[in-house]
Amino acid sequence: LKRLTGSDPQMAINVEQALRILGKGIPVMLHGETGTGKEMFARAIHESSLRRSSAFVALNCYAIPESLIESELFGYREGAFTGARAKGGRGKIAQADGGTIFLDEIGDMPLTLQTRLLRVLSEREILPLGAEKPVAVDLQVICATHRDLTAMVRAGQFRQDLYFRLNGLVLQLPALRERSDKGNLIQQLLREEAAEQECE
């Protein structure tokens, strides 16, 4: 995680705060523009924690059609819906059991699913589609968004109780143009790119 700091003061603060909550089960909310490295930061949190030997599972809430996101998140049992696989399917949350679930673009999650996610966070269990009994899960939750969730809560587009549940630690990732060490970062990226070209 410390390798992401560079020499930028804001990133140093972000890393220091993230290190303080490792292993404490506190949800993390990452704010930042597209391209600020939110998934990279989330993965670094996971790899710096005791959960690093378990799965890091990422789900982009914007990229998956609303009709599929429920089965993607919670999984389903055999025969739960037309076209369901014969043996059912494990959802992203079940896949992350023992590890970390990264929910990117959380602001684009439909309201109906926000209710179910809130239950997962409060009860620490999921109910796959078509299942009768819930399944216990143990996971670190990291979310990311570039949207103003506070404004969305006021507009009724995002659940206030879920908003407060997810905002355990809120980190603002600076855009590249705002970083004081952007020159060094660009040089590092060029060196890494050159090294990859040499290996090919």
Protein backbone atom coordinates (compact mmCIF):
# COMPACT_ATOMS: atom_id res chain seq x y z
CA LEU A 1 0.00 0.00 0.00
CA LYS A 2 2.81 2.42 0.83
CA ARG A 3 4.20 2.10 -2.70
CA LEU A 4 1.17 4.08 -3.95
CA THR A 5 2.11 7.13 -1.89
CA GLY A 6 4.81 8.53 -4.16
CA SER A 7 5.65 11.97 -2.79
CA ASP A 8 2.13 13.39 -2.92
CA PRO A 9 0.89 14.65 0.50
CA GLN A 10 -2.78 13.72 -0.12
CA MET A 11 -1.88 10.18 -1.15
CA ALA A 12 0.37 9.88 1.92
CA ILE A 13 -2.60 10.80 4.12
CA ASN A 14 -4.84 8.33 2.27
CA VAL A 15 -2.37 5.49 2.72
CA GLU A 16 -1.82 6.29 6.40
CA GLN A 17 -5.55 6.28 7.10
CA ALA A 18 -6.10 3.07 5.14
CA LEU A 19 -3.34 1.30 7.08
CA ARG A 20 -4.96 2.29 10.38
CA ILE A 21 -8.23 0.48 9.63
CA LEU A 22 -6.77 -2.76 8.21
CA GLY A 23 -8.36 -5.80 9.80
CA LYS A 24 -11.03 -3.81 11.64
CA GLY A 25 -13.91 -4.58 9.27
CA ILE A 26 -14.50 -0.90 8.49
CA PRO A 27 -15.98 -0.25 5.02
CA VAL A 28 -13.94 2.01 2.75
CA MET A 29 -15.37 4.52 0.26
CA LEU A 30 -13.04 5.79 -2.45
CA HIS A 31 -13.93 9.02 -4.23
CA GLY A 32 -12.20 10.21 -7.36
CA GLU A 33 -12.48 10.85 -11.06
CA THR A 34 -12.24 8.07 -13.61
CA GLY A 35 -8.57 7.14 -14.00
CA THR A 36 -7.44 8.04 -10.47
CA GLY A 37 -6.62 4.40 -9.69
CA LYS A 38 -9.51 3.53 -7.39
CA GLU A 39 -9.38 -0.20 -8.15
CA MET A 40 -5.59 -0.22 -7.80
CA PHE A 41 -5.91 1.44 -4.39
CA ALA A 42 -8.62 -1.03 -3.33
CA ARG A 43 -6.48 -3.97 -4.42
CA ALA A 44 -3.52 -2.54 -2.47
CA ILE A 45 -5.66 -2.35 0.68
CA HIS A 46 -6.60 -6.00 0.19
CA GLU A 47 -3.02 -7.13 -0.43
CA SER A 48 -1.81 -5.26 2.66
CA SER A 49 -4.39 -6.96 4.91
CA LEU A 50 -4.64 -10.39 6.50
CA ARG A 51 -7.25 -11.21 3.84
CA ARG A 52 -4.64 -11.17 1.04
CA SER A 53 -4.60 -14.98 0.77
CA SER A 54 -8.33 -14.91 -0.07
CA ALA A 55 -10.06 -13.49 -3.13
CA PHE A 56 -10.25 -9.87 -4.26
CA VAL A 57 -13.46 -9.64 -6.30
CA ALA A 58 -14.29 -6.53 -8.30
CA LEU A 59 -17.72 -5.66 -9.69
CA ASN A 60 -18.51 -2.57 -11.76
CA CYS A 61 -22.11 -1.69 -10.85
CA TYR A 62 -22.42 0.52 -13.96
CA ALA A 63 -21.20 -2.01 -16.52
CA ILE A 64 -23.65 -4.82 -15.66
CA PRO A 65 -27.27 -4.59 -16.91
CA GLU A 66 -29.77 -3.98 -14.10
CA SER A 67 -31.52 -7.25 -14.95
CA LEU A 68 -28.34 -9.24 -14.24
CA ILE A 69 -26.72 -7.40 -11.35
CA GLU A 70 -28.77 -9.16 -8.66
CA SER A 71 -27.71 -12.64 -9.79
CA GLU A 72 -24.14 -11.36 -10.28
CA LEU A 73 -24.00 -10.05 -6.72
CA PHE A 74 -25.96 -12.65 -4.77
CA GLY A 75 -25.81 -15.74 -6.95
CA TYR A 76 -28.66 -18.12 -7.69
CA ARG A 77 -29.84 -21.66 -7.20
CA GLU A 78 -30.74 -24.21 -9.88
CA GLY A 79 -33.97 -23.23 -11.64
CA ALA A 80 -34.09 -19.76 -10.07
CA PHE A 81 -34.92 -18.21 -13.44
CA THR A 82 -35.16 -19.11 -17.13
CA GLY A 83 -31.67 -19.71 -18.48
CA ALA A 84 -30.11 -20.38 -15.06
CA ARG A 85 -27.22 -22.86 -15.12
CA ALA A 86 -28.09 -26.37 -13.95
CA LYS A 87 -25.88 -26.17 -10.88
CA GLY A 88 -26.70 -22.55 -10.07
CA GLY A 89 -24.10 -19.81 -9.77
CA ARG A 90 -22.05 -18.23 -7.00
CA GLY A 91 -22.42 -14.48 -6.83
CA LYS A 92 -19.58 -12.02 -6.46
CA ILE A 93 -20.23 -11.59 -2.74
CA ALA A 94 -19.98 -15.35 -2.08
CA GLN A 95 -16.80 -15.49 -4.18
CA ALA A 96 -15.30 -12.79 -1.95
CA ASP A 97 -16.07 -14.66 1.28
CA GLY A 98 -13.00 -14.38 3.50
CA GLY A 99 -11.56 -11.70 1.22
CA THR A 100 -12.56 -8.34 -0.25
CA ILE A 101 -15.44 -7.22 -2.45
CA PHE A 102 -14.81 -4.07 -4.49
CA LEU A 103 -17.99 -2.39 -5.71
CA ASP A 104 -16.98 0.17 -8.32
CA GLU A 105 -19.43 2.88 -9.38
CA ILE A 106 -21.63 2.14 -6.35
CA GLY A 107 -23.68 5.25 -7.17
CA ASP A 108 -25.09 3.43 -10.19
CA MET A 109 -26.54 0.54 -8.16
CA PRO A 110 -30.36 0.37 -8.51
CA LEU A 111 -32.34 1.32 -5.37
CA THR A 112 -33.90 -2.14 -5.08
CA LEU A 113 -30.45 -3.73 -4.87
CA GLN A 114 -29.23 -1.11 -2.42
CA THR A 115 -31.79 -2.53 0.04
CA ARG A 116 -30.40 -6.03 -0.37
CA LEU A 117 -26.81 -4.85 -0.07
CA LEU A 118 -27.71 -3.07 3.18
CA ARG A 119 -29.00 -6.37 4.54
CA VAL A 120 -25.74 -8.10 3.59
CA LEU A 121 -23.74 -5.46 5.46
CA SER A 122 -25.93 -5.55 8.56
CA GLU A 123 -26.61 -9.30 8.76
CA ARG A 124 -23.37 -10.56 7.15
CA GLU A 125 -25.31 -13.06 5.07
CA ILE A 126 -26.70 -13.37 1.56
CA LEU A 127 -29.77 -15.05 0.13
CA PRO A 128 -29.09 -16.28 -3.42
CA LEU A 129 -31.98 -16.12 -5.90
CA GLY A 130 -34.18 -19.16 -5.47
CA ALA A 131 -32.60 -20.15 -2.13
CA GLU A 132 -34.54 -20.68 1.09
CA LYS A 133 -31.71 -20.35 3.59
CA PRO A 134 -29.23 -17.47 3.83
CA VAL A 135 -25.50 -18.07 3.56
CA ALA A 136 -23.09 -16.41 6.01
CA VAL A 137 -20.28 -14.31 4.52
CA ASP A 138 -17.20 -12.63 5.96
CA LEU A 139 -15.76 -9.88 3.80
CA GLN A 140 -14.12 -6.48 3.59
CA VAL A 141 -16.24 -4.05 1.60
CA ILE A 142 -14.61 -1.33 -0.51
CA CYS A 143 -16.72 0.92 -2.73
CA ALA A 144 -15.80 3.58 -5.25
CA THR A 145 -17.62 6.35 -7.05
CA HIS A 146 -17.05 9.59 -8.94
CA ARG A 147 -20.59 10.75 -8.16
CA ASP A 148 -21.81 13.02 -5.36
CA LEU A 149 -23.60 10.48 -3.16
CA THR A 150 -24.67 13.15 -0.66
CA ALA A 151 -26.62 14.93 -3.40
CA MET A 152 -28.04 11.59 -4.55
CA VAL A 153 -29.26 10.87 -1.02
CA ARG A 154 -31.01 14.26 -0.90
CA ALA A 155 -32.59 13.52 -4.29
CA GLY A 156 -33.82 10.11 -3.13
CA GLN A 157 -31.55 8.30 -5.60
CA PHE A 158 -29.37 6.60 -2.99
CA ARG A 159 -30.41 5.12 0.35
CA GLN A 160 -29.29 7.24 3.28
CA ASP A 161 -28.88 4.24 5.61
CA LEU A 162 -26.68 2.46 3.06
CA TYR A 163 -24.70 5.67 2.50
CA PHE A 164 -23.85 5.89 6.19
CA ARG A 165 -23.11 2.15 6.37
CA LEU A 166 -20.58 2.36 3.52
CA ASN A 167 -18.87 5.54 4.71
CA GLY A 168 -16.68 4.00 7.37
CA LEU A 169 -13.52 5.55 5.94
CA VAL A 170 -13.84 8.01 3.06
CA LEU A 171 -10.75 8.70 0.94
CA GLN A 172 -10.46 11.24 -1.86
CA LEU A 173 -8.00 10.12 -4.53
CA PRO A 174 -6.47 13.06 -6.40
CA ALA A 175 -6.51 13.21 -10.18
CA LEU A 176 -3.11 12.91 -11.89
CA ARG A 177 -3.14 16.62 -12.79
CA GLU A 178 -3.53 17.45 -9.07
CA ARG A 179 -0.69 15.27 -7.80
CA SER A 180 2.50 17.05 -6.77
CA ASP A 181 4.56 14.06 -7.94
CA LYS A 182 2.98 13.62 -11.38
CA GLY A 183 6.37 14.05 -13.11
CA ASN A 184 7.83 11.13 -11.16
CA LEU A 185 4.71 9.05 -11.78
CA ILE A 186 4.92 9.60 -15.53
CA GLN A 187 8.61 8.63 -15.53
CA GLN A 188 7.81 5.49 -13.54
CA LEU A 189 5.05 4.49 -15.96
CA LEU A 190 7.39 5.02 -18.92
CA ARG A 191 10.07 2.84 -17.30
CA GLU A 192 7.54 0.08 -16.61
CA GLU A 193 6.23 0.27 -20.17
CA ALA A 194 9.76 0.13 -21.57
CA ALA A 195 10.57 -2.91 -19.41
CA GLU A 196 7.46 -4.71 -20.69
CA GLN A 197 8.42 -3.95 -24.29
CA GLU A 198 11.89 -5.45 -23.71
CA CYS A 199 10.38 -8.65 -22.34
CA GLU A 200 8.21 -9.20 -25.43
